[in-house]
Amino acid sequence: MGSSLITPEFGTIFWTVVTFVILAFLLGRFAWKPLLQVLEERERTVRESLEEAQRARTEAEETLRRNQEMLAQARRETAAVIDQGRREAESLKGEIVTRARQESLDLIEQGRRQIQHEQKAAIEALRTQVADLAIQAAERLISRSLDDKKQRDLVDEYVRSLETMGRGEERH
């Protein structure tokens, strides 16, 4: 009894093979084809997803490269604008300094001319005043014929009047 289970019989082998073939046919007909189609569809979907991911990665890398180029270009342009602004500021500074120096020299020269003009006017006024004083002194001396004492008194009086006149003009 124990050995009959282990020994294969022709009928059992035959029916096992027939059942296997029928089962393989049915699975091949109804299960394997749809299963293979699902697997092929899944493989196609995965392949398309990978290809789409690769395209997206390529596009992202290209976009990143363009953005980096644009950023580098913007930095170069910004540096150029800053450099040009710096040069223009230096140029403007130089012009302003030159103009200020020239204006200060012009003001100094104008002041010198004004001082010279006022100095000439003061000298002319002083000459006129001295001439007037000399004429007045001469008139007083001529109008009186005096002795030495009277002449000295007259000169002293005249000097005092000059001092008084000088103080009065200083106050004006």
Protein backbone atom coordinates (compact mmCIF):
# COMPACT_ATOMS: atom_id res chain seq x y z
CA MET A 1 0.00 0.00 0.00
CA GLY A 2 2.71 2.43 0.82
CA SER A 3 4.61 1.73 -2.33
CA SER A 4 1.59 2.06 -4.61
CA LEU A 5 1.41 5.76 -3.81
CA ILE A 6 4.95 6.30 -4.85
CA THR A 7 4.91 4.28 -8.04
CA PRO A 8 3.43 6.11 -10.97
CA GLU A 9 0.69 4.46 -12.90
CA PHE A 10 0.06 5.05 -16.56
CA GLY A 11 -3.54 6.25 -16.08
CA THR A 12 -2.59 8.79 -13.49
CA ILE A 13 0.23 10.10 -15.64
CA PHE A 14 -1.98 10.22 -18.71
CA TRP A 15 -4.78 12.13 -17.00
CA THR A 16 -2.30 14.45 -15.28
CA VAL A 17 -0.71 15.29 -18.62
CA VAL A 18 -4.14 15.74 -20.30
CA THR A 19 -5.33 17.96 -17.44
CA PHE A 20 -2.11 19.95 -17.62
CA VAL A 21 -2.40 20.43 -21.38
CA ILE A 22 -6.07 21.48 -21.12
CA LEU A 23 -5.26 23.78 -18.24
CA ALA A 24 -2.27 25.23 -20.15
CA PHE A 25 -4.50 25.70 -23.25
CA LEU A 26 -7.24 27.40 -21.24
CA LEU A 27 -4.75 29.56 -19.36
CA GLY A 28 -2.99 30.41 -22.61
CA ARG A 29 -6.26 31.22 -24.32
CA PHE A 30 -8.06 33.09 -21.57
CA ALA A 31 -5.50 34.09 -18.95
CA TRP A 32 -2.04 34.39 -20.53
CA LYS A 33 -3.03 36.62 -23.43
CA PRO A 34 -4.87 39.16 -21.24
CA LEU A 35 -2.13 38.87 -18.62
CA LEU A 36 0.57 39.38 -21.28
CA GLN A 37 -1.40 42.29 -22.71
CA VAL A 38 -1.65 43.87 -19.25
CA LEU A 39 2.08 43.30 -18.73
CA GLU A 40 2.90 44.70 -22.18
CA GLU A 41 0.61 47.70 -21.52
CA ARG A 42 2.28 48.21 -18.17
CA GLU A 43 5.71 47.92 -19.79
CA ARG A 44 4.69 50.44 -22.47
CA THR A 45 3.32 52.82 -19.80
CA VAL A 46 6.50 52.53 -17.75
CA ARG A 47 8.64 53.05 -20.86
CA GLU A 48 6.59 56.13 -21.86
CA SER A 49 6.79 57.46 -18.32
CA LEU A 50 10.55 57.00 -18.35
CA GLU A 51 10.82 58.67 -21.74
CA GLU A 52 8.58 61.54 -20.54
CA ALA A 53 10.66 61.85 -17.39
CA GLN A 54 13.82 61.92 -19.51
CA ARG A 55 12.30 64.62 -21.77
CA ALA A 56 11.21 66.62 -18.71
CA ARG A 57 14.68 66.28 -17.22
CA THR A 58 16.27 67.38 -20.48
CA GLU A 59 13.89 70.35 -20.70
CA ALA A 60 14.54 71.23 -17.05
CA GLU A 61 18.30 71.09 -17.63
CA GLU A 62 17.92 73.26 -20.74
CA THR A 63 15.73 75.71 -18.84
CA LEU A 64 18.24 75.78 -16.00
CA ARG A 65 21.09 76.39 -18.45
CA ARG A 66 19.14 79.25 -20.12
CA ASN A 67 18.29 80.75 -16.74
CA GLN A 68 21.92 80.57 -15.68
CA GLU A 69 22.97 82.23 -18.94
CA MET A 70 20.33 84.94 -18.48
CA LEU A 71 21.45 85.46 -14.89
CA ALA A 72 25.09 85.70 -15.97
CA GLN A 73 24.11 88.14 -18.73
CA ALA A 74 22.08 90.21 -16.25
CA ARG A 75 25.05 90.27 -13.88
CA ARG A 76 27.35 91.39 -16.69
CA GLU A 77 24.91 94.11 -17.75
CA THR A 78 24.47 95.23 -14.15
CA ALA A 79 28.22 95.41 -13.67
CA ALA A 80 28.53 97.38 -16.91
CA VAL A 81 25.81 99.81 -15.84
CA ILE A 82 27.40 100.24 -12.42
CA ASP A 83 30.82 100.76 -14.00
CA GLN A 84 29.43 103.29 -16.47
CA GLY A 85 27.61 105.07 -13.64
CA ARG A 86 30.83 105.18 -11.65
CA ARG A 87 32.72 106.62 -14.63
CA GLU A 88 30.01 109.21 -15.22
CA ALA A 89 30.01 110.13 -11.52
CA GLU A 90 33.79 110.57 -11.57
CA SER A 91 33.54 112.68 -14.72
CA LEU A 92 30.77 114.79 -13.22
CA LYS A 93 32.74 115.15 -10.01
CA GLY A 94 35.74 116.36 -12.01
CA GLU A 95 33.60 118.85 -13.90
CA ILE A 96 32.03 120.15 -10.69
CA VAL A 97 35.43 120.51 -9.00
CA THR A 98 36.86 122.27 -12.05
CA ARG A 99 33.84 124.57 -12.28
CA ALA A 100 34.01 125.32 -8.53
CA ARG A 101 37.73 126.13 -8.76
CA GLN A 102 37.14 128.38 -11.74
CA GLU A 103 34.27 130.16 -9.97
CA SER A 104 36.39 130.65 -6.86
CA LEU A 105 39.24 132.05 -8.98
CA ASP A 106 36.75 134.33 -10.74
CA LEU A 107 35.40 135.52 -7.36
CA ILE A 108 38.91 136.13 -6.06
CA GLU A 109 39.80 138.08 -9.19
CA GLN A 110 36.58 140.06 -8.96
CA GLY A 111 37.36 140.81 -5.29
CA ARG A 112 40.87 141.97 -6.22
CA ARG A 113 39.49 144.25 -8.92
CA GLN A 114 36.92 145.65 -6.52
CA ILE A 115 39.59 146.23 -3.84
CA GLN A 116 41.85 147.95 -6.39
CA HIS A 117 38.94 150.09 -7.57
CA GLU A 118 38.00 151.04 -3.99
CA GLN A 119 41.67 151.66 -3.16
CA LYS A 120 42.00 154.00 -6.13
CA ALA A 121 38.78 155.74 -5.14
CA ALA A 122 40.02 156.10 -1.54
CA ILE A 123 43.38 157.44 -2.70
CA GLU A 124 41.64 159.92 -5.00
CA ALA A 125 39.31 160.99 -2.18
CA LEU A 126 42.30 161.35 0.15
CA ARG A 127 44.17 163.45 -2.44
CA THR A 128 41.13 165.65 -2.88
CA GLN A 129 40.74 166.02 0.88
CA VAL A 130 44.45 166.75 1.39
CA ALA A 131 44.32 169.32 -1.38
CA ASP A 132 41.23 170.90 0.18
CA LEU A 133 42.93 170.97 3.58
CA ALA A 134 46.07 172.48 2.15
CA ILE A 135 44.02 175.11 0.38
CA GLN A 136 42.11 175.89 3.59
CA ALA A 137 45.34 176.16 5.55
CA ALA A 138 46.86 178.42 2.95
CA GLU A 139 43.75 180.62 2.96
CA ARG A 140 43.91 180.99 6.70
CA LEU A 141 47.59 181.85 6.63
CA ILE A 142 47.19 184.33 3.82
CA SER A 143 44.05 185.93 5.19
CA ARG A 144 45.87 186.88 8.36
CA SER A 145 49.19 188.35 8.62
CA LEU A 146 50.43 187.06 11.82
CA ASP A 147 53.47 186.98 13.96
CA ASP A 148 55.26 183.78 14.99
CA LYS A 149 53.12 183.20 18.04
CA LYS A 150 49.90 183.66 16.12
CA GLN A 151 51.15 181.41 13.31
CA ARG A 152 51.95 178.69 15.82
CA ASP A 153 48.54 179.06 17.47
CA LEU A 154 46.91 178.89 14.05
CA VAL A 155 48.83 175.70 13.11
CA ASP A 156 47.97 174.10 16.44
CA GLU A 157 44.31 174.98 15.96
CA TYR A 158 44.40 173.60 12.45
CA VAL A 159 46.00 170.32 13.62
CA ARG A 160 43.33 169.98 16.30
CA SER A 161 40.61 170.56 13.73
CA LEU A 162 42.22 167.87 11.55
CA GLU A 163 42.18 165.45 14.46
CA THR A 164 38.52 166.27 15.14
CA MET A 165 37.64 165.85 11.47
CA GLY A 166 39.55 162.53 11.34
CA ARG A 167 37.63 161.20 14.31
CA GLY A 168 34.33 162.34 12.84
CA GLU A 169 35.04 160.57 9.52
CA GLU A 170 36.06 157.39 11.30
CA ARG A 171 32.67 157.26 12.94
CA HIS A 172 30.86 157.42 9.58
